[in-house]
């Protein structure tokens, strides 16, 4: 995606919400966009290929959970961050 398209996408709340559920490749790994925290400017990616062990309240290994990436999609001024350059949408191009 070019910079103008990324800027347009990150400023449109509905377009960002439409990304939830899309598959992406980020830094060589396949993820699904599982959540958006728009107030914080975060996108949450979850991997179904790789799991991590989550500890219980006592620090003991308790269960497997999907590996997650929390990506800052906008900076303090509301401009898109570099993470968009490292993301490839596997389900085809993002609708305009």
PDB file of N, CA and C in Angstrom:
ATOM      1  N   UNK A   1       0.837  -1.173   0.000  1.00  0.00           N
ATOM      2  CA  UNK A   1       0.000   0.000   0.000  1.00  0.00           C
ATOM      3  C   UNK A   1       0.883   1.238   0.000  1.00  0.00           C
ATOM      4  N   UNK A   2       0.449   2.251  -0.737  1.00  0.00           N
ATOM      5  CA  UNK A   2       1.220   3.491  -0.740  1.00  0.00           C
ATOM      6  C   UNK A   2       0.873   4.346   0.482  1.00  0.00           C
ATOM      7  N   UNK A   3       1.693   5.346   0.732  1.00  0.00           N
ATOM      8  CA  UNK A   3       1.548   6.167   1.937  1.00  0.00           C
ATOM      9  C   UNK A   3       0.208   6.895   1.993  1.00  0.00           C
ATOM     10  N   UNK A   4      -0.284   7.376   0.853  1.00  0.00           N
ATOM     11  CA  UNK A   4      -1.572   8.082   0.834  1.00  0.00           C
ATOM     12  C   UNK A   4      -2.705   7.140   1.223  1.00  0.00           C
ATOM     13  N   UNK A   5      -2.671   5.915   0.712  1.00  0.00           N
ATOM     14  CA  UNK A   5      -3.719   4.927   1.032  1.00  0.00           C
ATOM     15  C   UNK A   5      -3.653   4.542   2.508  1.00  0.00           C
ATOM     16  N   UNK A   6      -2.460   4.379   3.049  1.00  0.00           N
ATOM     17  CA  UNK A   6      -2.300   4.042   4.465  1.00  0.00           C
ATOM     18  C   UNK A   6      -2.836   5.175   5.340  1.00  0.00           C
ATOM     19  N   UNK A   7      -2.518   6.431   4.990  1.00  0.00           N
ATOM     20  CA  UNK A   7      -3.007   7.577   5.760  1.00  0.00           C
ATOM     21  C   UNK A   7      -4.527   7.642   5.724  1.00  0.00           C
ATOM     22  N   UNK A   8      -5.114   7.379   4.561  1.00  0.00           N
ATOM     23  CA  UNK A   8      -6.576   7.371   4.422  1.00  0.00           C
ATOM     24  C   UNK A   8      -7.190   6.268   5.282  1.00  0.00           C
ATOM     25  N   UNK A   9      -6.598   5.097   5.257  1.00  0.00           N
ATOM     26  CA  UNK A   9      -7.108   3.959   6.023  1.00  0.00           C
ATOM     27  C   UNK A   9      -7.040   4.218   7.521  1.00  0.00           C
ATOM     28  N   UNK A  10      -5.920   4.728   8.004  1.00  0.00           N
ATOM     29  CA  UNK A  10      -5.762   4.923   9.448  1.00  0.00           C
ATOM     30  C   UNK A  10      -6.612   6.056   9.994  1.00  0.00           C
ATOM     31  N   UNK A  11      -7.115   6.915   9.131  1.00  0.00           N
ATOM     32  CA  UNK A  11      -7.985   7.998   9.596  1.00  0.00           C
ATOM     33  C   UNK A  11      -9.466   7.623   9.524  1.00  0.00           C
ATOM     34  N   UNK A  12      -9.786   6.455   8.982  1.00  0.00           N
ATOM     35  CA  UNK A  12     -11.170   6.015   8.805  1.00  0.00           C
ATOM     36  C   UNK A  12     -11.468   4.866   9.771  1.00  0.00           C
ATOM     37  N   UNK A  13     -12.226   5.152  10.810  1.00  0.00           N
ATOM     38  CA  UNK A  13     -12.522   4.160  11.846  1.00  0.00           C
ATOM     39  C   UNK A  13     -13.228   2.936  11.287  1.00  0.00           C
ATOM     40  N   UNK A  14     -14.203   3.134  10.423  1.00  0.00           N
ATOM     41  CA  UNK A  14     -14.951   2.000   9.865  1.00  0.00           C
ATOM     42  C   UNK A  14     -14.058   1.123   8.996  1.00  0.00           C
ATOM     43  N   UNK A  15     -13.176   1.732   8.227  1.00  0.00           N
ATOM     44  CA  UNK A  15     -12.256   0.956   7.388  1.00  0.00           C
ATOM     45  C   UNK A  15     -11.305   0.138   8.250  1.00  0.00           C
ATOM     46  N   UNK A  16     -10.840   0.718   9.353  1.00  0.00           N
ATOM     47  CA  UNK A  16      -9.972  -0.030  10.261  1.00  0.00           C
ATOM     48  C   UNK A  16     -10.721  -1.199  10.887  1.00  0.00           C
ATOM     49  N   UNK A  17     -11.946  -0.968  11.322  1.00  0.00           N
ATOM     50  CA  UNK A  17     -12.735  -2.047  11.933  1.00  0.00           C
ATOM     51  C   UNK A  17     -12.986  -3.184  10.947  1.00  0.00           C
ATOM     52  N   UNK A  18     -13.087  -2.853   9.673  1.00  0.00           N
ATOM     53  CA  UNK A  18     -13.307  -3.880   8.647  1.00  0.00           C
ATOM     54  C   UNK A  18     -12.098  -4.803   8.496  1.00  0.00           C
ATOM     55  N   UNK A  19     -10.948  -4.411   9.033  1.00  0.00           N
ATOM     56  CA  UNK A  19      -9.745  -5.246   8.945  1.00  0.00           C
ATOM     57  C   UNK A  19      -9.754  -6.407   9.937  1.00  0.00           C
ATOM     58  N   UNK A  20     -10.572  -6.318  10.985  1.00  0.00           N
ATOM     59  CA  UNK A  20     -10.621  -7.389  11.988  1.00  0.00           C
ATOM     60  C   UNK A  20     -11.038  -8.687  11.300  1.00  0.00           C
ATOM     61  N   UNK A  21     -10.263  -9.735  11.533  1.00  0.00           N
ATOM     62  CA  UNK A  21     -10.509 -11.028  10.908  1.00  0.00           C
ATOM     63  C   UNK A  21      -9.663 -11.279   9.671  1.00  0.00           C
ATOM     64  N   UNK A  22      -9.038 -10.234   9.136  1.00  0.00           N
ATOM     65  CA  UNK A  22      -8.185 -10.397   7.953  1.00  0.00           C
ATOM     66  C   UNK A  22      -6.878 -11.075   8.333  1.00  0.00           C
ATOM     67  N   UNK A  23      -6.371 -11.908   7.430  1.00  0.00           N
ATOM     68  CA  UNK A  23      -5.083 -12.575   7.630  1.00  0.00           C
ATOM     69  C   UNK A  23      -3.980 -11.693   7.063  1.00  0.00           C
ATOM     70  N   UNK A  24      -2.878 -11.599   7.813  1.00  0.00           N
ATOM     71  CA  UNK A  24      -1.735 -10.802   7.381  1.00  0.00           C
ATOM     72  C   UNK A  24      -0.444 -11.570   7.648  1.00  0.00           C
ATOM     73  N   UNK A  25       0.591 -11.181   6.929  1.00  0.00           N
ATOM     74  CA  UNK A  25       1.939 -11.654   7.225  1.00  0.00           C
ATOM     75  C   UNK A  25       2.684 -10.446   7.775  1.00  0.00           C
ATOM     76  N   UNK A  26       3.234 -10.621   8.981  1.00  0.00           N
ATOM     77  CA  UNK A  26       3.976  -9.548   9.631  1.00  0.00           C
ATOM     78  C   UNK A  26       5.309 -10.112  10.099  1.00  0.00           C
ATOM     79  N   UNK A  27       6.374  -9.524   9.615  1.00  0.00           N
ATOM     80  CA  UNK A  27       7.740  -9.956   9.943  1.00  0.00           C
ATOM     81  C   UNK A  27       7.929 -11.453   9.722  1.00  0.00           C
ATOM     82  N   UNK A  28       7.391 -11.949   8.609  1.00  0.00           N
ATOM     83  CA  UNK A  28       7.603 -13.336   8.213  1.00  0.00           C
ATOM     84  C   UNK A  28       6.687 -14.358   8.854  1.00  0.00           C
ATOM     85  N   UNK A  29       5.751 -13.931   9.692  1.00  0.00           N
ATOM     86  CA  UNK A  29       4.829 -14.865  10.348  1.00  0.00           C
ATOM     87  C   UNK A  29       3.395 -14.527   9.973  1.00  0.00           C
ATOM     88  N   UNK A  30       2.565 -15.568   9.920  1.00  0.00           N
ATOM     89  CA  UNK A  30       1.161 -15.370   9.583  1.00  0.00           C
ATOM     90  C   UNK A  30       0.349 -15.109  10.850  1.00  0.00           C
ATOM     91  N   UNK A  31      -0.495 -14.077  10.779  1.00  0.00           N
ATOM     92  CA  UNK A  31      -1.349 -13.677  11.894  1.00  0.00           C
ATOM     93  C   UNK A  31      -2.753 -13.381  11.378  1.00  0.00           C
ATOM     94  N   UNK A  32      -3.667 -13.213  12.317  1.00  0.00           N
ATOM     95  CA  UNK A  32      -4.998 -12.696  12.029  1.00  0.00           C
ATOM     96  C   UNK A  32      -5.169 -11.422  12.847  1.00  0.00           C
ATOM     97  N   UNK A  33      -5.762 -10.400  12.245  1.00  0.00           N
ATOM     98  CA  UNK A  33      -6.059  -9.183  12.994  1.00  0.00           C
ATOM     99  C   UNK A  33      -7.222  -9.517  13.909  1.00  0.00           C
ATOM    100  N   UNK A  34      -6.965  -9.575  15.205  1.00  0.00           N
ATOM    101  CA  UNK A  34      -7.987 -10.041  16.141  1.00  0.00           C
ATOM    102  C   UNK A  34      -8.689  -8.918  16.887  1.00  0.00           C
ATOM    103  N   UNK A  35      -8.079  -7.747  16.960  1.00  0.00           N
ATOM    104  CA  UNK A  35      -8.724  -6.659  17.697  1.00  0.00           C
ATOM    105  C   UNK A  35      -8.073  -5.335  17.340  1.00  0.00           C
ATOM    106  N   UNK A  36      -8.823  -4.271  17.558  1.00  0.00           N
ATOM    107  CA  UNK A  36      -8.316  -2.912  17.407  1.00  0.00           C
ATOM    108  C   UNK A  36      -8.638  -2.142  18.672  1.00  0.00           C
ATOM    109  N   UNK A  37      -7.660  -1.461  19.197  1.00  0.00           N
ATOM    110  CA  UNK A  37      -7.864  -0.566  20.333  1.00  0.00           C
ATOM    111  C   UNK A  37      -7.626   0.842  19.794  1.00  0.00           C
ATOM    112  N   UNK A  38      -8.671   1.397  19.184  1.00  0.00           N
ATOM    113  CA  UNK A  38      -8.522   2.642  18.442  1.00  0.00           C
ATOM    114  C   UNK A  38      -8.140   3.820  19.328  1.00  0.00           C
ATOM    115  N   UNK A  39      -8.631   3.846  20.561  1.00  0.00           N
ATOM    116  CA  UNK A  39      -8.281   4.948  21.461  1.00  0.00           C
ATOM    117  C   UNK A  39      -6.784   4.971  21.748  1.00  0.00           C
ATOM    118  N   UNK A  40      -6.174   3.789  21.762  1.00  0.00           N
ATOM    119  CA  UNK A  40      -4.739   3.671  22.020  1.00  0.00           C
ATOM    120  C   UNK A  40      -3.919   3.581  20.739  1.00  0.00           C
ATOM    121  N   UNK A  41      -4.589   3.501  19.585  1.00  0.00           N
ATOM    122  CA  UNK A  41      -3.885   3.371  18.317  1.00  0.00           C
ATOM    123  C   UNK A  41      -3.186   2.038  18.156  1.00  0.00           C
ATOM    124  N   UNK A  42      -3.793   0.960  18.694  1.00  0.00           N
ATOM    125  CA  UNK A  42      -3.176  -0.367  18.647  1.00  0.00           C
ATOM    126  C   UNK A  42      -3.970  -1.342  17.793  1.00  0.00           C
ATOM    127  N   UNK A  43      -3.248  -2.196  17.102  1.00  0.00           N
ATOM    128  CA  UNK A  43      -3.818  -3.328  16.377  1.00  0.00           C
ATOM    129  C   UNK A  43      -3.242  -4.588  17.019  1.00  0.00           C
ATOM    130  N   UNK A  44      -4.111  -5.554  17.328  1.00  0.00           N
ATOM    131  CA  UNK A  44      -3.680  -6.797  17.953  1.00  0.00           C
ATOM    132  C   UNK A  44      -3.710  -7.895  16.898  1.00  0.00           C
ATOM    133  N   UNK A  45      -2.571  -8.543  16.704  1.00  0.00           N
ATOM    134  CA  UNK A  45      -2.464  -9.678  15.794  1.00  0.00           C
ATOM    135  C   UNK A  45      -2.336 -10.944  16.622  1.00  0.00           C
ATOM    136  N   UNK A  46      -3.028 -12.011  16.204  1.00  0.00           N
ATOM    137  CA  UNK A  46      -2.947 -13.304  16.893  1.00  0.00           C
ATOM    138  C   UNK A  46      -2.508 -14.365  15.906  1.00  0.00           C
ATOM    139  N   UNK A  47      -1.591 -15.227  16.332  1.00  0.00           N
ATOM    140  CA  UNK A  47      -1.093 -16.314  15.498  1.00  0.00           C
ATOM    141  C   UNK A  47      -1.696 -17.629  15.953  1.00  0.00           C
ATOM    142  N   UNK A  48      -2.224 -18.387  14.999  1.00  0.00           N
ATOM    143  CA  UNK A  48      -2.753 -19.707  15.318  1.00  0.00           C
ATOM    144  C   UNK A  48      -1.698 -20.785  15.075  1.00  0.00           C
ATOM    145  N   UNK A  49      -0.596 -20.409  14.431  1.00  0.00           N
ATOM    146  CA  UNK A  49       0.478 -21.360  14.154  1.00  0.00           C
ATOM    147  C   UNK A  49       1.367 -21.580  15.370  1.00  0.00           C
ATOM    148  N   UNK A  50       1.568 -20.545  16.133  1.00  0.00           N
ATOM    149  CA  UNK A  50       2.490 -20.602  17.262  1.00  0.00           C
ATOM    150  C   UNK A  50       1.743 -20.231  18.529  1.00  0.00           C
ATOM    151  N   UNK A  51       1.918 -21.018  19.550  1.00  0.00           N
ATOM    152  CA  UNK A  51       1.284 -20.730  20.831  1.00  0.00           C
ATOM    153  C   UNK A  51       2.346 -20.479  21.886  1.00  0.00           C
ATOM    154  N   UNK A  52       1.956 -19.746  22.901  1.00  0.00           N
ATOM    155  CA  UNK A  52       2.828 -19.482  24.036  1.00  0.00           C
ATOM    156  C   UNK A  52       2.152 -20.013  25.286  1.00  0.00           C
ATOM    157  N   UNK A  53       2.940 -20.345  26.274  1.00  0.00           N
ATOM    158  CA  UNK A  53       2.403 -20.828  27.539  1.00  0.00           C
ATOM    159  C   UNK A  53       2.078 -19.638  28.424  1.00  0.00           C
ATOM    160  N   UNK A  54       0.858 -19.626  28.938  1.00  0.00           N
ATOM    161  CA  UNK A  54       0.442 -18.566  29.850  1.00  0.00           C
ATOM    162  C   UNK A  54       0.496 -19.092  31.276  1.00  0.00           C
ATOM    163  N   UNK A  55       1.110 -18.320  32.141  1.00  0.00           N
ATOM    164  CA  UNK A  55       1.210 -18.713  33.548  1.00  0.00           C
ATOM    165  C   UNK A  55      -0.071 -18.365  34.293  1.00  0.00           C
ATOM    166  N   UNK A  56      -0.333 -19.124  35.351  1.00  0.00           N
ATOM    167  CA  UNK A  56      -1.460 -18.788  36.221  1.00  0.00           C
ATOM    168  C   UNK A  56      -1.007 -17.735  37.243  1.00  0.00           C
ATOM    169  N   UNK A  57      -1.848 -17.415  38.193  1.00  0.00           N
ATOM    170  CA  UNK A  57      -1.546 -16.373  39.177  1.00  0.00           C
ATOM    171  C   UNK A  57      -0.337 -16.718  40.045  1.00  0.00           C
ATOM    172  N   UNK A  58       0.047 -17.991  40.072  1.00  0.00           N
ATOM    173  CA  UNK A  58       1.173 -18.430  40.895  1.00  0.00           C
ATOM    174  C   UNK A  58       2.457 -18.613  40.088  1.00  0.00           C
ATOM    175  N   UNK A  59       2.419 -18.260  38.795  1.00  0.00           N
ATOM    176  CA  UNK A  59       3.605 -18.365  37.965  1.00  0.00           C
ATOM    177  C   UNK A  59       3.847 -19.735  37.370  1.00  0.00           C
ATOM    178  N   UNK A  60       2.870 -20.634  37.493  1.00  0.00           N
ATOM    179  CA  UNK A  60       3.002 -21.982  36.922  1.00  0.00           C
ATOM    180  C   UNK A  60       2.396 -21.997  35.521  1.00  0.00           C
ATOM    181  N   UNK A  61       3.038 -22.743  34.636  1.00  0.00           N
ATOM    182  CA  UNK A  61       2.494 -22.896  33.285  1.00  0.00           C
ATOM    183  C   UNK A  61       1.086 -23.451  33.380  1.00  0.00           C
ATOM    184  N   UNK A  62       0.155 -22.795  32.711  1.00  0.00           N
ATOM    185  CA  UNK A  62      -1.252 -23.138  32.894  1.00  0.00           C
ATOM    186  C   UNK A  62      -1.937 -23.565  31.601  1.00  0.00           C
ATOM    187  N   UNK A  63      -1.744 -22.787  30.520  1.00  0.00           N
ATOM    188  CA  UNK A  63      -2.428 -23.116  29.268  1.00  0.00           C
ATOM    189  C   UNK A  63      -1.702 -22.481  28.089  1.00  0.00           C
ATOM    190  N   UNK A  64      -2.016 -22.989  26.896  1.00  0.00           N
ATOM    191  CA  UNK A  64      -1.455 -22.429  25.677  1.00  0.00           C
ATOM    192  C   UNK A  64      -2.386 -21.341  25.153  1.00  0.00           C
ATOM    193  N   UNK A  65      -1.817 -20.234  24.761  1.00  0.00           N
ATOM    194  CA  UNK A  65      -2.574 -19.127  24.183  1.00  0.00           C
ATOM    195  C   UNK A  65      -1.885 -18.718  22.879  1.00  0.00           C
ATOM    196  N   UNK A  66      -2.633 -18.127  21.942  1.00  0.00           N
ATOM    197  CA  UNK A  66      -2.005 -17.693  20.691  1.00  0.00           C
ATOM    198  C   UNK A  66      -0.943 -16.626  20.944  1.00  0.00           C
ATOM    199  N   UNK A  67       0.132 -16.689  20.173  1.00  0.00           N
ATOM    200  CA  UNK A  67       1.145 -15.628  20.227  1.00  0.00           C
ATOM    201  C   UNK A  67       0.490 -14.358  19.694  1.00  0.00           C
ATOM    202  N   UNK A  68       0.731 -13.249  20.350  1.00  0.00           N
ATOM    203  CA  UNK A  68       0.142 -11.984  19.931  1.00  0.00           C
ATOM    204  C   UNK A  68       1.208 -10.934  19.690  1.00  0.00           C
ATOM    205  N   UNK A  69       0.898 -10.052  18.775  1.00  0.00           N
ATOM    206  CA  UNK A  69       1.698  -8.855  18.526  1.00  0.00           C
ATOM    207  C   UNK A  69       0.775  -7.665  18.756  1.00  0.00           C
ATOM    208  N   UNK A  70       1.220  -6.704  19.525  1.00  0.00           N
ATOM    209  CA  UNK A  70       0.473  -5.460  19.729  1.00  0.00           C
ATOM    210  C   UNK A  70       1.220  -4.376  18.970  1.00  0.00           C
ATOM    211  N   UNK A  71       0.599  -3.889  17.905  1.00  0.00           N
ATOM    212  CA  UNK A  71       1.266  -2.948  17.018  1.00  0.00           C
ATOM    213  C   UNK A  71       0.676  -1.557  17.147  1.00  0.00           C
ATOM    214  N   UNK A  72       1.523  -0.576  17.287  1.00  0.00           N
ATOM    215  CA  UNK A  72       1.105   0.828  17.306  1.00  0.00           C
ATOM    216  C   UNK A  72       0.884   1.241  15.854  1.00  0.00           C
ATOM    217  N   UNK A  73      -0.372   1.531  15.482  1.00  0.00           N
ATOM    218  CA  UNK A  73      -0.683   1.833  14.083  1.00  0.00           C
ATOM    219  C   UNK A  73      -0.695   3.327  13.788  1.00  0.00           C
ATOM    220  N   UNK A  74      -0.758   4.158  14.853  1.00  0.00           N
ATOM    221  CA  UNK A  74      -0.709   5.615  14.696  1.00  0.00           C
ATOM    222  C   UNK A  74       0.208   6.191  15.768  1.00  0.00           C
ATOM    223  N   UNK A  75       0.921   7.244  15.397  1.00  0.00           N
ATOM    224  CA  UNK A  75       1.769   7.905  16.392  1.00  0.00           C
ATOM    225  C   UNK A  75       0.952   8.942  17.166  1.00  0.00           C
ATOM    226  N   UNK A  76       1.601   9.703  18.024  1.00  0.00           N
ATOM    227  CA  UNK A  76       0.907  10.677  18.875  1.00  0.00           C
ATOM    228  C   UNK A  76       0.191  11.759  18.063  1.00  0.00           C
ATOM    229  N   UNK A  77       0.677  12.041  16.866  1.00  0.00           N
ATOM    230  CA  UNK A  77       0.044  13.040  16.003  1.00  0.00           C
ATOM    231  C   UNK A  77      -1.051  12.440  15.125  1.00  0.00           C
ATOM    232  N   UNK A  78      -1.275  11.122  15.221  1.00  0.00           N
ATOM    233  CA  UNK A  78      -2.296  10.456  14.417  1.00  0.00           C
ATOM    234  C   UNK A  78      -1.813   9.990  13.062  1.00  0.00           C
ATOM    235  N   UNK A  79      -0.516  10.090  12.815  1.00  0.00           N
ATOM    236  CA  UNK A  79       0.054   9.650  11.535  1.00  0.00           C
ATOM    237  C   UNK A  79       0.356   8.156  11.588  1.00  0.00           C
ATOM    238  N   UNK A  80       0.241   7.467  10.439  1.00  0.00           N
ATOM    239  CA  UNK A  80       0.536   6.028  10.411  1.00  0.00           C
ATOM    240  C   UNK A  80       1.988   5.747  10.791  1.00  0.00           C
ATOM    241  N   UNK A  81       2.201   4.636  11.488  1.00  0.00           N
ATOM    242  CA  UNK A  81       3.551   4.225  11.867  1.00  0.00           C
ATOM    243  C   UNK A  81       4.134   3.294  10.801  1.00  0.00           C
ATOM    244  N   UNK A  82       5.369   2.894  11.002  1.00  0.00           N
ATOM    245  CA  UNK A  82       6.089   2.053  10.036  1.00  0.00           C
ATOM    246  C   UNK A  82       5.546   0.627   9.946  1.00  0.00           C
ATOM    247  N   UNK A  83       4.720   0.184  10.891  1.00  0.00           N
ATOM    248  CA  UNK A  83       4.281  -1.220  10.882  1.00  0.00           C
ATOM    249  C   UNK A  83       3.527  -1.571   9.607  1.00  0.00           C
ATOM    250  N   UNK A  84       2.891  -0.582   8.978  1.00  0.00           N
ATOM    251  CA  UNK A  84       2.147  -0.845   7.744  1.00  0.00           C
ATOM    252  C   UNK A  84       3.078  -1.291   6.622  1.00  0.00           C
ATOM    253  N   UNK A  85       4.319  -0.844   6.649  1.00  0.00           N
ATOM    254  CA  UNK A  85       5.288  -1.229   5.619  1.00  0.00           C
ATOM    255  C   UNK A  85       5.697  -2.690   5.753  1.00  0.00           C
ATOM    256  N   UNK A  86       5.578  -3.252   6.958  1.00  0.00           N
ATOM    257  CA  UNK A  86       5.994  -4.627   7.224  1.00  0.00           C
ATOM    258  C   UNK A  86       4.837  -5.618   7.166  1.00  0.00           C
ATOM    259  N   UNK A  87       3.630  -5.147   6.814  1.00  0.00           N
ATOM    260  CA  UNK A  87       2.440  -5.986   6.838  1.00  0.00           C
ATOM    261  C   UNK A  87       1.977  -6.287   5.411  1.00  0.00           C
ATOM    262  N   UNK A  88       1.713  -7.571   5.148  1.00  0.00           N
ATOM    263  CA  UNK A  88       1.191  -8.011   3.853  1.00  0.00           C
ATOM    264  C   UNK A  88      -0.172  -8.633   4.103  1.00  0.00           C
ATOM    265  N   UNK A  89      -1.193  -8.145   3.409  1.00  0.00           N
ATOM    266  CA  UNK A  89      -2.540  -8.695   3.553  1.00  0.00           C
ATOM    267  C   UNK A  89      -2.654  -9.937   2.678  1.00  0.00           C
ATOM    268  N   UNK A  90      -2.932 -11.082   3.290  1.00  0.00           N
ATOM    269  CA  UNK A  90      -2.954 -12.365   2.585  1.00  0.00           C
ATOM    270  C   UNK A  90      -4.288 -12.640   1.907  1.00  0.00           C
ATOM    271  N   UNK A  91      -5.347 -11.935   2.317  1.00  0.00           N
ATOM    272  CA  UNK A  91      -6.676 -12.142   1.740  1.00  0.00           C
ATOM    273  C   UNK A  91      -6.923 -11.236   0.543  1.00  0.00           C
ATOM    274  N   UNK A  92      -5.885 -10.625   0.019  1.00  0.00           N
ATOM    275  CA  UNK A  92      -6.040  -9.708  -1.097  1.00  0.00           C
ATOM    276  C   UNK A  92      -5.955  -8.270  -0.630  1.00  0.00           C
ATOM    277  N   UNK A  93      -6.040  -7.336  -1.579  1.00  0.00           N
ATOM    278  CA  UNK A  93      -5.889  -5.924  -1.220  1.00  0.00           C
ATOM    279  C   UNK A  93      -7.026  -5.435  -0.327  1.00  0.00           C
ATOM    280  N   UNK A  94      -6.728  -4.401   0.426  1.00  0.00           N
ATOM    281  CA  UNK A  94      -7.724  -3.782   1.299  1.00  0.00           C
ATOM    282  C   UNK A  94      -8.678  -2.978   0.433  1.00  0.00           C
ATOM    283  N   UNK A  95      -9.978  -3.168   0.656  1.00  0.00           N
ATOM    284  CA  UNK A  95     -10.994  -2.468  -0.137  1.00  0.00           C
ATOM    285  C   UNK A  95     -10.927  -0.973   0.116  1.00  0.00           C
ATOM    286  N   UNK A  96     -11.182  -0.214  -0.921  1.00  0.00           N
ATOM    287  CA  UNK A  96     -11.132   1.238  -0.820  1.00  0.00           C
ATOM    288  C   UNK A  96     -12.450   1.783  -0.512  1.00  0.00           C
TER     289      UNK A  96
END
